[in-house]
């Protein structure tokens, strides 16, 4: 990574149908427990929060950040793992399916890395701009770190939004390929319905038990479109009182069954045993926080940018009825959200 500034990390984020915000820091990670409700800035967390999270401060000079990212070059550096082969994926999936059939594990998320080249003249900032244009309803971000490299993403999934004592979140799980049909006419299989129900029940249970929440509402299951795929979604709305502490709720929500599995302990162990790579920031979370408001999103549909290639991270939920080849195809569909935009570079 070529750096010409004192920054340790910088970031841009574009919330759905909103403007771009910039952030920077000259320090490293902090323990998640050090986050408090009185901080104002940008949080960027890996999948495993125990590794520490990055906290960036608001950057007033937006153009300075734009220019820096546009000229920043990602040199070849150590990746979290090579592209996942079908053989590696099948081996991991079969091991997880064996656990799903023979122990308490009900759902587990298996991810893989897809590697694709890009033109040497292409810039990460150009991809960020394209993602903002192509997906106005998604949360778009770019995170640039001296050692962790350049990460970009376009995620549809809210982890937590909180403002004026009103809290919203959503359970998103179950995937189908979008085929230009009316969303209300989509028929879902038993596997996808079960996946979504696990996530929805988990989130509702966490919210009901959270101190500082006075009232909780949920809506019916709907079908949503996220780029090239469809998902099942249930939205939740809650009302909070003065004792509510958002970091405490995030600690209990993350990782949800949508990005890890259920039960949590068994799913984390299965991922550790079977995934052939480190997830790093994939399926972590990011967003802004202030004393009276929070906007956090799950880091899905993300990639790491190298000087001549990108590595796209995608995953899907395995349950007992899962078929390995179908799950592989599902991750391929999910990658199109980013691949289709990369082709336009």
C-alpha atoms as a PDB file:
ATOM      1  CA  UNK A   1       0.000   0.000   0.000  1.00  0.00           C
ATOM      2  CA  UNK A   2       1.422   3.383  -0.998  1.00  0.00           C
ATOM      3  CA  UNK A   3       0.599   6.067   1.589  1.00  0.00           C
ATOM      4  CA  UNK A   4       1.323   9.768   1.505  1.00  0.00           C
ATOM      5  CA  UNK A   5      -0.465  10.793   4.685  1.00  0.00           C
ATOM      6  CA  UNK A   6      -0.551  10.243   8.449  1.00  0.00           C
ATOM      7  CA  UNK A   7      -3.812   8.333   8.289  1.00  0.00           C
ATOM      8  CA  UNK A   8      -3.939   4.769   9.547  1.00  0.00           C
ATOM      9  CA  UNK A   9      -7.340   4.198   7.953  1.00  0.00           C
ATOM     10  CA  UNK A  10      -9.940   6.152   5.995  1.00  0.00           C
ATOM     11  CA  UNK A  11     -13.480   5.362   4.919  1.00  0.00           C
ATOM     12  CA  UNK A  12     -16.362   6.597   2.807  1.00  0.00           C
ATOM     13  CA  UNK A  13     -19.951   5.520   3.385  1.00  0.00           C
ATOM     14  CA  UNK A  14     -23.100   6.260   1.378  1.00  0.00           C
ATOM     15  CA  UNK A  15     -26.287   5.296   3.191  1.00  0.00           C
ATOM     16  CA  UNK A  16     -29.349   4.413   1.081  1.00  0.00           C
ATOM     17  CA  UNK A  17     -30.490   7.408  -0.977  1.00  0.00           C
ATOM     18  CA  UNK A  18     -28.219   9.756   0.946  1.00  0.00           C
ATOM     19  CA  UNK A  19     -24.953  11.680   0.556  1.00  0.00           C
ATOM     20  CA  UNK A  20     -21.371  10.442   1.047  1.00  0.00           C
ATOM     21  CA  UNK A  21     -19.666  10.814   4.438  1.00  0.00           C
ATOM     22  CA  UNK A  22     -15.904  10.600   5.091  1.00  0.00           C
ATOM     23  CA  UNK A  23     -13.943   9.394   8.142  1.00  0.00           C
ATOM     24  CA  UNK A  24     -10.321   8.914   9.170  1.00  0.00           C
ATOM     25  CA  UNK A  25      -8.119   7.753  12.025  1.00  0.00           C
ATOM     26  CA  UNK A  26      -4.429   7.736  12.870  1.00  0.00           C
ATOM     27  CA  UNK A  27      -4.765   4.873  15.385  1.00  0.00           C
ATOM     28  CA  UNK A  28      -5.407   1.133  15.348  1.00  0.00           C
ATOM     29  CA  UNK A  29      -8.145  -1.078  16.721  1.00  0.00           C
ATOM     30  CA  UNK A  30      -9.888  -0.643  20.036  1.00  0.00           C
ATOM     31  CA  UNK A  31     -11.674  -3.314  22.101  1.00  0.00           C
ATOM     32  CA  UNK A  32     -15.361  -3.452  21.251  1.00  0.00           C
ATOM     33  CA  UNK A  33     -16.138  -2.904  24.951  1.00  0.00           C
ATOM     34  CA  UNK A  34     -14.621   0.587  24.690  1.00  0.00           C
ATOM     35  CA  UNK A  35     -17.384   1.723  22.331  1.00  0.00           C
ATOM     36  CA  UNK A  36     -19.862   3.882  24.177  1.00  0.00           C
ATOM     37  CA  UNK A  37     -23.094   5.672  23.366  1.00  0.00           C
ATOM     38  CA  UNK A  38     -21.453   9.108  23.590  1.00  0.00           C
ATOM     39  CA  UNK A  39     -18.987   8.565  20.712  1.00  0.00           C
ATOM     40  CA  UNK A  40     -19.453  10.142  17.275  1.00  0.00           C
ATOM     41  CA  UNK A  41     -17.801   8.523  14.276  1.00  0.00           C
ATOM     42  CA  UNK A  42     -17.569   5.446  12.071  1.00  0.00           C
ATOM     43  CA  UNK A  43     -17.251   1.858  13.328  1.00  0.00           C
ATOM     44  CA  UNK A  44     -15.696  -0.899  11.205  1.00  0.00           C
ATOM     45  CA  UNK A  45     -15.677  -4.362  12.719  1.00  0.00           C
ATOM     46  CA  UNK A  46     -14.403  -7.753  11.557  1.00  0.00           C
ATOM     47  CA  UNK A  47     -16.567 -10.849  11.822  1.00  0.00           C
ATOM     48  CA  UNK A  48     -14.880 -11.673  15.121  1.00  0.00           C
ATOM     49  CA  UNK A  49     -15.255  -8.565  17.291  1.00  0.00           C
ATOM     50  CA  UNK A  50     -12.765  -9.947  19.807  1.00  0.00           C
ATOM     51  CA  UNK A  51     -10.051  -9.017  17.268  1.00  0.00           C
ATOM     52  CA  UNK A  52     -10.869  -5.358  17.934  1.00  0.00           C
ATOM     53  CA  UNK A  53     -12.829  -2.780  15.943  1.00  0.00           C
ATOM     54  CA  UNK A  54     -11.750   0.355  14.115  1.00  0.00           C
ATOM     55  CA  UNK A  55     -13.210   3.673  15.167  1.00  0.00           C
ATOM     56  CA  UNK A  56     -12.791   6.550  12.711  1.00  0.00           C
ATOM     57  CA  UNK A  57     -13.535  10.221  13.321  1.00  0.00           C
ATOM     58  CA  UNK A  58     -15.596  12.439  10.997  1.00  0.00           C
ATOM     59  CA  UNK A  59     -13.420  13.973   8.269  1.00  0.00           C
ATOM     60  CA  UNK A  60     -14.529  17.468   7.206  1.00  0.00           C
ATOM     61  CA  UNK A  61     -12.392  17.622   4.057  1.00  0.00           C
ATOM     62  CA  UNK A  62     -14.338  15.181   1.877  1.00  0.00           C
ATOM     63  CA  UNK A  63     -12.383  16.003  -1.286  1.00  0.00           C
ATOM     64  CA  UNK A  64      -9.085  15.296   0.448  1.00  0.00           C
ATOM     65  CA  UNK A  65     -10.306  11.777   1.230  1.00  0.00           C
ATOM     66  CA  UNK A  66     -11.659  11.382  -2.321  1.00  0.00           C
ATOM     67  CA  UNK A  67      -8.321  12.387  -3.815  1.00  0.00           C
ATOM     68  CA  UNK A  68      -6.340  10.169  -1.488  1.00  0.00           C
ATOM     69  CA  UNK A  69      -8.392   7.078  -2.300  1.00  0.00           C
ATOM     70  CA  UNK A  70      -8.246   7.861  -6.024  1.00  0.00           C
ATOM     71  CA  UNK A  71      -4.441   7.921  -5.982  1.00  0.00           C
ATOM     72  CA  UNK A  72      -3.928   5.147  -3.430  1.00  0.00           C
ATOM     73  CA  UNK A  73      -2.493   1.945  -4.884  1.00  0.00           C
ATOM     74  CA  UNK A  74      -3.002  -1.477  -3.351  1.00  0.00           C
ATOM     75  CA  UNK A  75       0.176  -3.464  -3.794  1.00  0.00           C
ATOM     76  CA  UNK A  76       0.261  -7.260  -3.821  1.00  0.00           C
ATOM     77  CA  UNK A  77      -0.030  -8.374  -0.233  1.00  0.00           C
ATOM     78  CA  UNK A  78      -1.069 -11.411   1.746  1.00  0.00           C
ATOM     79  CA  UNK A  79      -4.709 -12.299   1.215  1.00  0.00           C
ATOM     80  CA  UNK A  80      -6.981 -14.047   3.717  1.00  0.00           C
ATOM     81  CA  UNK A  81      -6.899 -17.072   1.432  1.00  0.00           C
ATOM     82  CA  UNK A  82      -6.869 -18.056  -2.239  1.00  0.00           C
ATOM     83  CA  UNK A  83     -10.006 -18.402  -4.339  1.00  0.00           C
ATOM     84  CA  UNK A  84     -12.128 -21.283  -3.032  1.00  0.00           C
ATOM     85  CA  UNK A  85     -12.289 -24.276  -5.360  1.00  0.00           C
ATOM     86  CA  UNK A  86     -15.408 -26.406  -5.750  1.00  0.00           C
ATOM     87  CA  UNK A  87     -13.479 -29.294  -4.186  1.00  0.00           C
ATOM     88  CA  UNK A  88     -12.642 -27.214  -1.101  1.00  0.00           C
ATOM     89  CA  UNK A  89     -16.209 -25.948  -0.860  1.00  0.00           C
ATOM     90  CA  UNK A  90     -17.695 -29.449  -1.183  1.00  0.00           C
ATOM     91  CA  UNK A  91     -15.301 -30.819   1.453  1.00  0.00           C
ATOM     92  CA  UNK A  92     -16.271 -28.072   3.934  1.00  0.00           C
ATOM     93  CA  UNK A  93     -19.989 -28.319   3.126  1.00  0.00           C
ATOM     94  CA  UNK A  94     -20.082 -32.102   3.584  1.00  0.00           C
ATOM     95  CA  UNK A  95     -18.343 -31.789   6.957  1.00  0.00           C
ATOM     96  CA  UNK A  96     -20.874 -29.152   8.034  1.00  0.00           C
ATOM     97  CA  UNK A  97     -23.814 -31.214   6.785  1.00  0.00           C
ATOM     98  CA  UNK A  98     -22.555 -34.159   8.816  1.00  0.00           C
ATOM     99  CA  UNK A  99     -22.595 -31.930  11.900  1.00  0.00           C
ATOM    100  CA  UNK A 100     -26.083 -30.693  11.004  1.00  0.00           C
ATOM    101  CA  UNK A 101     -27.346 -34.268  10.916  1.00  0.00           C
ATOM    102  CA  UNK A 102     -25.597 -35.524  14.043  1.00  0.00           C
ATOM    103  CA  UNK A 103     -25.441 -32.784  16.676  1.00  0.00           C
ATOM    104  CA  UNK A 104     -27.330 -29.732  17.938  1.00  0.00           C
ATOM    105  CA  UNK A 105     -26.336 -27.562  14.980  1.00  0.00           C
ATOM    106  CA  UNK A 106     -29.434 -26.359  13.070  1.00  0.00           C
ATOM    107  CA  UNK A 107     -27.886 -23.865  10.626  1.00  0.00           C
ATOM    108  CA  UNK A 108     -24.378 -22.786   9.676  1.00  0.00           C
ATOM    109  CA  UNK A 109     -23.066 -20.283   7.141  1.00  0.00           C
ATOM    110  CA  UNK A 110     -20.362 -21.437   4.724  1.00  0.00           C
ATOM    111  CA  UNK A 111     -18.546 -18.711   2.788  1.00  0.00           C
ATOM    112  CA  UNK A 112     -16.136 -18.790  -0.109  1.00  0.00           C
ATOM    113  CA  UNK A 113     -13.802 -16.428  -1.987  1.00  0.00           C
ATOM    114  CA  UNK A 114     -14.252 -15.696  -5.687  1.00  0.00           C
ATOM    115  CA  UNK A 115     -11.232 -14.147  -7.389  1.00  0.00           C
ATOM    116  CA  UNK A 116     -11.430 -12.154 -10.608  1.00  0.00           C
ATOM    117  CA  UNK A 117      -8.933  -9.858 -12.391  1.00  0.00           C
ATOM    118  CA  UNK A 118      -9.525  -6.202 -13.178  1.00  0.00           C
ATOM    119  CA  UNK A 119      -7.782  -3.745 -15.476  1.00  0.00           C
ATOM    120  CA  UNK A 120      -4.594  -2.337 -14.000  1.00  0.00           C
ATOM    121  CA  UNK A 121      -5.838   1.179 -14.757  1.00  0.00           C
ATOM    122  CA  UNK A 122      -9.023   0.665 -12.711  1.00  0.00           C
ATOM    123  CA  UNK A 123      -9.315   2.465  -9.377  1.00  0.00           C
ATOM    124  CA  UNK A 124     -11.152   1.396  -6.247  1.00  0.00           C
ATOM    125  CA  UNK A 125     -12.750   4.853  -5.979  1.00  0.00           C
ATOM    126  CA  UNK A 126     -14.269   4.361  -9.444  1.00  0.00           C
ATOM    127  CA  UNK A 127     -15.904   1.139  -8.247  1.00  0.00           C
ATOM    128  CA  UNK A 128     -17.258   2.925  -5.168  1.00  0.00           C
ATOM    129  CA  UNK A 129     -18.842   5.579  -7.412  1.00  0.00           C
ATOM    130  CA  UNK A 130     -20.339   2.923  -9.688  1.00  0.00           C
ATOM    131  CA  UNK A 131     -21.797   1.007  -6.761  1.00  0.00           C
ATOM    132  CA  UNK A 132     -23.408   4.207  -5.473  1.00  0.00           C
ATOM    133  CA  UNK A 133     -24.979   4.790  -8.891  1.00  0.00           C
ATOM    134  CA  UNK A 134     -26.114   1.205  -9.463  1.00  0.00           C
ATOM    135  CA  UNK A 135     -27.539   0.488  -5.999  1.00  0.00           C
ATOM    136  CA  UNK A 136     -29.222   3.606  -4.565  1.00  0.00           C
ATOM    137  CA  UNK A 137     -31.109   1.531  -1.966  1.00  0.00           C
ATOM    138  CA  UNK A 138     -28.005  -0.254  -0.619  1.00  0.00           C
ATOM    139  CA  UNK A 139     -25.403   0.938   1.877  1.00  0.00           C
ATOM    140  CA  UNK A 140     -22.136   1.460  -0.018  1.00  0.00           C
ATOM    141  CA  UNK A 141     -18.739   1.743   1.642  1.00  0.00           C
ATOM    142  CA  UNK A 142     -15.018   1.775   1.031  1.00  0.00           C
ATOM    143  CA  UNK A 143     -12.524   1.192   3.857  1.00  0.00           C
ATOM    144  CA  UNK A 144      -8.805   1.724   3.244  1.00  0.00           C
ATOM    145  CA  UNK A 145      -6.237   0.587   5.812  1.00  0.00           C
ATOM    146  CA  UNK A 146      -2.441   0.683   5.740  1.00  0.00           C
ATOM    147  CA  UNK A 147      -2.130  -3.033   6.459  1.00  0.00           C
ATOM    148  CA  UNK A 148      -5.599  -4.536   5.943  1.00  0.00           C
ATOM    149  CA  UNK A 149      -5.898  -3.209   2.394  1.00  0.00           C
ATOM    150  CA  UNK A 150      -8.874  -1.812   0.495  1.00  0.00           C
ATOM    151  CA  UNK A 151     -12.386  -3.136   1.136  1.00  0.00           C
ATOM    152  CA  UNK A 152     -15.592  -2.207  -0.660  1.00  0.00           C
ATOM    153  CA  UNK A 153     -19.162  -3.393  -0.410  1.00  0.00           C
ATOM    154  CA  UNK A 154     -22.822  -2.866  -1.239  1.00  0.00           C
ATOM    155  CA  UNK A 155     -24.964  -4.366   1.499  1.00  0.00           C
ATOM    156  CA  UNK A 156     -28.744  -4.565   1.791  1.00  0.00           C
ATOM    157  CA  UNK A 157     -28.792  -5.721   5.412  1.00  0.00           C
ATOM    158  CA  UNK A 158     -29.352  -3.458   8.416  1.00  0.00           C
ATOM    159  CA  UNK A 159     -27.920  -4.609  11.720  1.00  0.00           C
ATOM    160  CA  UNK A 160     -29.309  -1.714  13.762  1.00  0.00           C
ATOM    161  CA  UNK A 161     -30.719   1.767  13.212  1.00  0.00           C
ATOM    162  CA  UNK A 162     -31.647   3.912  16.201  1.00  0.00           C
ATOM    163  CA  UNK A 163     -32.767   7.538  16.362  1.00  0.00           C
ATOM    164  CA  UNK A 164     -35.205   9.557  18.494  1.00  0.00           C
ATOM    165  CA  UNK A 165     -35.690   6.550  20.792  1.00  0.00           C
ATOM    166  CA  UNK A 166     -36.923   4.450  17.873  1.00  0.00           C
ATOM    167  CA  UNK A 167     -34.996   1.339  16.857  1.00  0.00           C
ATOM    168  CA  UNK A 168     -35.293  -0.695  13.658  1.00  0.00           C
ATOM    169  CA  UNK A 169     -33.613  -3.879  12.457  1.00  0.00           C
ATOM    170  CA  UNK A 170     -34.434  -6.722  10.095  1.00  0.00           C
ATOM    171  CA  UNK A 171     -34.122 -10.462   9.712  1.00  0.00           C
ATOM    172  CA  UNK A 172     -32.901 -11.309   6.208  1.00  0.00           C
ATOM    173  CA  UNK A 173     -32.346 -14.940   5.209  1.00  0.00           C
ATOM    174  CA  UNK A 174     -33.267 -17.345   2.443  1.00  0.00           C
ATOM    175  CA  UNK A 175     -32.043 -16.698  -1.094  1.00  0.00           C
ATOM    176  CA  UNK A 176     -33.394 -17.142  -4.606  1.00  0.00           C
ATOM    177  CA  UNK A 177     -32.220 -15.858  -7.982  1.00  0.00           C
ATOM    178  CA  UNK A 178     -34.034 -12.788  -9.260  1.00  0.00           C
ATOM    179  CA  UNK A 179     -35.724 -13.573 -12.569  1.00  0.00           C
ATOM    180  CA  UNK A 180     -37.692 -10.410 -13.374  1.00  0.00           C
ATOM    181  CA  UNK A 181     -40.952 -11.427 -11.718  1.00  0.00           C
ATOM    182  CA  UNK A 182     -43.312  -9.680  -9.334  1.00  0.00           C
ATOM    183  CA  UNK A 183     -41.993 -10.068  -5.792  1.00  0.00           C
ATOM    184  CA  UNK A 184     -45.445 -10.954  -4.474  1.00  0.00           C
ATOM    185  CA  UNK A 185     -45.563 -14.002  -6.791  1.00  0.00           C
ATOM    186  CA  UNK A 186     -42.296 -15.614  -5.630  1.00  0.00           C
ATOM    187  CA  UNK A 187     -42.734 -19.086  -4.102  1.00  0.00           C
ATOM    188  CA  UNK A 188     -40.247 -20.083  -1.409  1.00  0.00           C
ATOM    189  CA  UNK A 189     -39.099 -23.588  -0.505  1.00  0.00           C
ATOM    190  CA  UNK A 190     -39.145 -25.192   2.925  1.00  0.00           C
ATOM    191  CA  UNK A 191     -35.379 -24.771   3.392  1.00  0.00           C
ATOM    192  CA  UNK A 192     -35.457 -21.010   2.789  1.00  0.00           C
ATOM    193  CA  UNK A 193     -38.494 -20.535   5.028  1.00  0.00           C
ATOM    194  CA  UNK A 194     -36.781 -22.465   7.827  1.00  0.00           C
ATOM    195  CA  UNK A 195     -33.581 -20.425   7.413  1.00  0.00           C
ATOM    196  CA  UNK A 196     -35.481 -17.180   7.694  1.00  0.00           C
ATOM    197  CA  UNK A 197     -37.507 -18.327  10.682  1.00  0.00           C
ATOM    198  CA  UNK A 198     -34.346 -19.165  12.641  1.00  0.00           C
ATOM    199  CA  UNK A 199     -32.973 -15.665  12.068  1.00  0.00           C
ATOM    200  CA  UNK A 200     -36.262 -13.912  12.767  1.00  0.00           C
ATOM    201  CA  UNK A 201     -36.896 -15.765  16.025  1.00  0.00           C
ATOM    202  CA  UNK A 202     -33.321 -15.138  17.191  1.00  0.00           C
ATOM    203  CA  UNK A 203     -33.534 -11.370  16.623  1.00  0.00           C
ATOM    204  CA  UNK A 204     -36.975 -11.115  18.237  1.00  0.00           C
ATOM    205  CA  UNK A 205     -35.727 -13.009  21.297  1.00  0.00           C
ATOM    206  CA  UNK A 206     -32.682 -10.735  21.674  1.00  0.00           C
ATOM    207  CA  UNK A 207     -34.825  -7.602  21.374  1.00  0.00           C
ATOM    208  CA  UNK A 208     -37.441  -8.804  23.878  1.00  0.00           C
ATOM    209  CA  UNK A 209     -34.735  -9.439  26.471  1.00  0.00           C
ATOM    210  CA  UNK A 210     -32.778  -6.215  25.898  1.00  0.00           C
ATOM    211  CA  UNK A 211     -32.867  -3.689  28.791  1.00  0.00           C
ATOM    212  CA  UNK A 212     -34.033  -0.274  27.703  1.00  0.00           C
ATOM    213  CA  UNK A 213     -36.605  -1.471  25.153  1.00  0.00           C
ATOM    214  CA  UNK A 214     -40.189  -0.596  26.065  1.00  0.00           C
ATOM    215  CA  UNK A 215     -42.143  -1.947  23.104  1.00  0.00           C
ATOM    216  CA  UNK A 216     -41.476  -4.196  20.112  1.00  0.00           C
ATOM    217  CA  UNK A 217     -43.330  -4.558  16.827  1.00  0.00           C
ATOM    218  CA  UNK A 218     -42.702  -6.997  13.966  1.00  0.00           C
ATOM    219  CA  UNK A 219     -44.166  -7.281  10.498  1.00  0.00           C
ATOM    220  CA  UNK A 220     -45.015 -10.193   8.226  1.00  0.00           C
ATOM    221  CA  UNK A 221     -42.430 -11.962   6.095  1.00  0.00           C
ATOM    222  CA  UNK A 222     -41.902 -10.313   2.700  1.00  0.00           C
ATOM    223  CA  UNK A 223     -39.727 -10.845  -0.377  1.00  0.00           C
ATOM    224  CA  UNK A 224     -37.055  -8.230  -1.100  1.00  0.00           C
ATOM    225  CA  UNK A 225     -34.674  -7.792  -4.006  1.00  0.00           C
ATOM    226  CA  UNK A 226     -30.952  -7.230  -3.428  1.00  0.00           C
ATOM    227  CA  UNK A 227     -29.225  -6.862  -6.784  1.00  0.00           C
ATOM    228  CA  UNK A 228     -29.239 -10.200  -8.577  1.00  0.00           C
ATOM    229  CA  UNK A 229     -30.940 -12.159  -5.780  1.00  0.00           C
ATOM    230  CA  UNK A 230     -34.083 -12.229  -3.662  1.00  0.00           C
ATOM    231  CA  UNK A 231     -34.325 -12.674   0.110  1.00  0.00           C
ATOM    232  CA  UNK A 232     -37.004 -13.182   2.714  1.00  0.00           C
ATOM    233  CA  UNK A 233     -37.191 -10.276   5.148  1.00  0.00           C
ATOM    234  CA  UNK A 234     -38.993  -9.473   8.399  1.00  0.00           C
ATOM    235  CA  UNK A 235     -38.645  -5.974   9.842  1.00  0.00           C
ATOM    236  CA  UNK A 236     -38.691  -5.080  13.526  1.00  0.00           C
ATOM    237  CA  UNK A 237     -39.411  -1.753  15.205  1.00  0.00           C
ATOM    238  CA  UNK A 238     -38.810  -1.063  18.891  1.00  0.00           C
ATOM    239  CA  UNK A 239     -39.075   1.930  21.212  1.00  0.00           C
ATOM    240  CA  UNK A 240     -36.355   2.648  23.763  1.00  0.00           C
ATOM    241  CA  UNK A 241     -36.021   4.535  27.022  1.00  0.00           C
ATOM    242  CA  UNK A 242     -33.138   6.449  28.601  1.00  0.00           C
ATOM    243  CA  UNK A 243     -31.429   3.262  29.872  1.00  0.00           C
ATOM    244  CA  UNK A 244     -30.892   1.861  26.354  1.00  0.00           C
ATOM    245  CA  UNK A 245     -27.239   1.297  25.371  1.00  0.00           C
ATOM    246  CA  UNK A 246     -26.726   0.404  21.708  1.00  0.00           C
ATOM    247  CA  UNK A 247     -23.263  -1.236  22.094  1.00  0.00           C
ATOM    248  CA  UNK A 248     -24.791  -3.716  24.536  1.00  0.00           C
ATOM    249  CA  UNK A 249     -27.486  -4.668  22.011  1.00  0.00           C
ATOM    250  CA  UNK A 250     -24.990  -5.004  19.141  1.00  0.00           C
ATOM    251  CA  UNK A 251     -22.877  -7.339  21.244  1.00  0.00           C
ATOM    252  CA  UNK A 252     -25.921  -9.612  21.618  1.00  0.00           C
ATOM    253  CA  UNK A 253     -27.154  -9.325  18.029  1.00  0.00           C
ATOM    254  CA  UNK A 254     -23.834  -9.968  16.287  1.00  0.00           C
ATOM    255  CA  UNK A 255     -23.249 -12.401  14.777  1.00  0.00           C
ATOM    256  CA  UNK A 256     -26.837 -13.256  13.871  1.00  0.00           C
ATOM    257  CA  UNK A 257     -27.797 -16.686  12.482  1.00  0.00           C
ATOM    258  CA  UNK A 258     -27.915 -14.992   9.049  1.00  0.00           C
ATOM    259  CA  UNK A 259     -24.104 -14.663   8.984  1.00  0.00           C
ATOM    260  CA  UNK A 260     -23.016 -17.364  11.421  1.00  0.00           C
ATOM    261  CA  UNK A 261     -25.660 -19.996  12.170  1.00  0.00           C
ATOM    262  CA  UNK A 262     -27.565 -21.405  15.106  1.00  0.00           C
ATOM    263  CA  UNK A 263     -26.923 -22.237  17.893  1.00  0.00           C
ATOM    264  CA  UNK A 264     -24.189 -19.605  17.937  1.00  0.00           C
ATOM    265  CA  UNK A 265     -21.491 -21.537  19.809  1.00  0.00           C
ATOM    266  CA  UNK A 266     -21.806 -24.653  17.643  1.00  0.00           C
ATOM    267  CA  UNK A 267     -21.965 -22.618  14.426  1.00  0.00           C
ATOM    268  CA  UNK A 268     -18.839 -20.591  15.270  1.00  0.00           C
ATOM    269  CA  UNK A 269     -16.953 -23.799  16.017  1.00  0.00           C
ATOM    270  CA  UNK A 270     -18.062 -25.361  12.740  1.00  0.00           C
ATOM    271  CA  UNK A 271     -16.926 -22.302  10.761  1.00  0.00           C
ATOM    272  CA  UNK A 272     -13.572 -22.327  12.543  1.00  0.00           C
ATOM    273  CA  UNK A 273     -13.112 -26.022  11.808  1.00  0.00           C
ATOM    274  CA  UNK A 274     -14.229 -26.080   8.199  1.00  0.00           C
ATOM    275  CA  UNK A 275     -13.916 -22.776   6.337  1.00  0.00           C
ATOM    276  CA  UNK A 276     -10.604 -22.765   4.422  1.00  0.00           C
ATOM    277  CA  UNK A 277      -9.981 -19.007   4.877  1.00  0.00           C
ATOM    278  CA  UNK A 278     -10.267 -16.174   7.368  1.00  0.00           C
ATOM    279  CA  UNK A 279     -13.365 -13.982   6.959  1.00  0.00           C
ATOM    280  CA  UNK A 280     -11.662 -10.785   8.098  1.00  0.00           C
ATOM    281  CA  UNK A 281     -14.256  -7.995   7.599  1.00  0.00           C
ATOM    282  CA  UNK A 282     -16.741 -10.136   5.660  1.00  0.00           C
ATOM    283  CA  UNK A 283     -19.916 -10.621   7.753  1.00  0.00           C
ATOM    284  CA  UNK A 284     -18.676  -8.065  10.247  1.00  0.00           C
ATOM    285  CA  UNK A 285     -20.523  -4.762  10.556  1.00  0.00           C
ATOM    286  CA  UNK A 286     -19.936  -1.062   9.948  1.00  0.00           C
ATOM    287  CA  UNK A 287     -21.670   2.279  10.179  1.00  0.00           C
ATOM    288  CA  UNK A 288     -21.967   5.563  12.018  1.00  0.00           C
ATOM    289  CA  UNK A 289     -22.798   6.370  15.601  1.00  0.00           C
ATOM    290  CA  UNK A 290     -23.546   9.500  17.618  1.00  0.00           C
ATOM    291  CA  UNK A 291     -24.910  10.105  21.142  1.00  0.00           C
ATOM    292  CA  UNK A 292     -28.527   9.786  19.983  1.00  0.00           C
ATOM    293  CA  UNK A 293     -28.351   7.849  16.722  1.00  0.00           C
ATOM    294  CA  UNK A 294     -26.793   4.748  15.187  1.00  0.00           C
ATOM    295  CA  UNK A 295     -26.745   3.333  11.640  1.00  0.00           C
ATOM    296  CA  UNK A 296     -25.061  -0.061  11.423  1.00  0.00           C
ATOM    297  CA  UNK A 297     -25.071  -2.467   8.469  1.00  0.00           C
ATOM    298  CA  UNK A 298     -23.886  -6.054   8.044  1.00  0.00           C
ATOM    299  CA  UNK A 299     -20.823  -6.283   5.779  1.00  0.00           C
ATOM    300  CA  UNK A 300     -22.232  -8.501   3.034  1.00  0.00           C
ATOM    301  CA  UNK A 301     -21.587  -8.352  -0.747  1.00  0.00           C
ATOM    302  CA  UNK A 302     -18.065  -7.144  -0.069  1.00  0.00           C
ATOM    303  CA  UNK A 303     -14.691  -7.520  -1.740  1.00  0.00           C
ATOM    304  CA  UNK A 304     -11.032  -6.823  -1.178  1.00  0.00           C
ATOM    305  CA  UNK A 305      -9.272  -4.802  -3.872  1.00  0.00           C
ATOM    306  CA  UNK A 306      -5.735  -5.684  -5.018  1.00  0.00           C
ATOM    307  CA  UNK A 307      -3.569  -4.031  -7.651  1.00  0.00           C
ATOM    308  CA  UNK A 308      -4.713  -6.376 -10.447  1.00  0.00           C
ATOM    309  CA  UNK A 309      -7.586  -8.431  -9.016  1.00  0.00           C
ATOM    310  CA  UNK A 310     -10.396  -8.494  -6.490  1.00  0.00           C
ATOM    311  CA  UNK A 311     -11.477 -11.140  -4.030  1.00  0.00           C
ATOM    312  CA  UNK A 312     -15.242 -11.279  -3.529  1.00  0.00           C
ATOM    313  CA  UNK A 313     -16.587 -12.849  -0.321  1.00  0.00           C
ATOM    314  CA  UNK A 314     -19.946 -14.628  -0.517  1.00  0.00           C
ATOM    315  CA  UNK A 315     -21.717 -17.198   1.642  1.00  0.00           C
ATOM    316  CA  UNK A 316     -24.930 -19.072   2.223  1.00  0.00           C
ATOM    317  CA  UNK A 317     -26.788 -20.905   4.935  1.00  0.00           C
ATOM    318  CA  UNK A 318     -26.586 -24.685   5.243  1.00  0.00           C
ATOM    319  CA  UNK A 319     -29.367 -26.638   6.935  1.00  0.00           C
ATOM    320  CA  UNK A 320     -29.921 -30.398   7.038  1.00  0.00           C
ATOM    321  CA  UNK A 321     -31.777 -30.558   3.652  1.00  0.00           C
ATOM    322  CA  UNK A 322     -29.090 -28.517   1.808  1.00  0.00           C
ATOM    323  CA  UNK A 323     -27.626 -29.774  -1.481  1.00  0.00           C
ATOM    324  CA  UNK A 324     -23.972 -28.804  -1.947  1.00  0.00           C
ATOM    325  CA  UNK A 325     -24.168 -27.933  -5.647  1.00  0.00           C
ATOM    326  CA  UNK A 326     -27.257 -25.782  -5.103  1.00  0.00           C
ATOM    327  CA  UNK A 327     -25.521 -23.897  -2.292  1.00  0.00           C
ATOM    328  CA  UNK A 328     -22.486 -23.324  -4.530  1.00  0.00           C
ATOM    329  CA  UNK A 329     -24.772 -21.920  -7.235  1.00  0.00           C
ATOM    330  CA  UNK A 330     -26.449 -19.646  -4.681  1.00  0.00           C
ATOM    331  CA  UNK A 331     -23.132 -18.040  -3.781  1.00  0.00           C
ATOM    332  CA  UNK A 332     -22.447 -17.537  -7.480  1.00  0.00           C
ATOM    333  CA  UNK A 333     -25.742 -15.641  -7.851  1.00  0.00           C
ATOM    334  CA  UNK A 334     -24.843 -13.464  -4.871  1.00  0.00           C
ATOM    335  CA  UNK A 335     -21.480 -12.549  -6.388  1.00  0.00           C
ATOM    336  CA  UNK A 336     -23.217 -11.037  -9.439  1.00  0.00           C
ATOM    337  CA  UNK A 337     -24.161  -7.978  -7.374  1.00  0.00           C
ATOM    338  CA  UNK A 338     -20.488  -6.964  -7.465  1.00  0.00           C
ATOM    339  CA  UNK A 339     -19.316  -8.773 -10.619  1.00  0.00           C
ATOM    340  CA  UNK A 340     -21.867  -7.007 -12.816  1.00  0.00           C
ATOM    341  CA  UNK A 341     -20.559  -3.624 -11.656  1.00  0.00           C
ATOM    342  CA  UNK A 342     -16.915  -4.663 -11.944  1.00  0.00           C
ATOM    343  CA  UNK A 343     -17.483  -5.469 -15.608  1.00  0.00           C
ATOM    344  CA  UNK A 344     -18.420  -1.816 -16.194  1.00  0.00           C
ATOM    345  CA  UNK A 345     -14.967  -0.666 -15.081  1.00  0.00           C
END
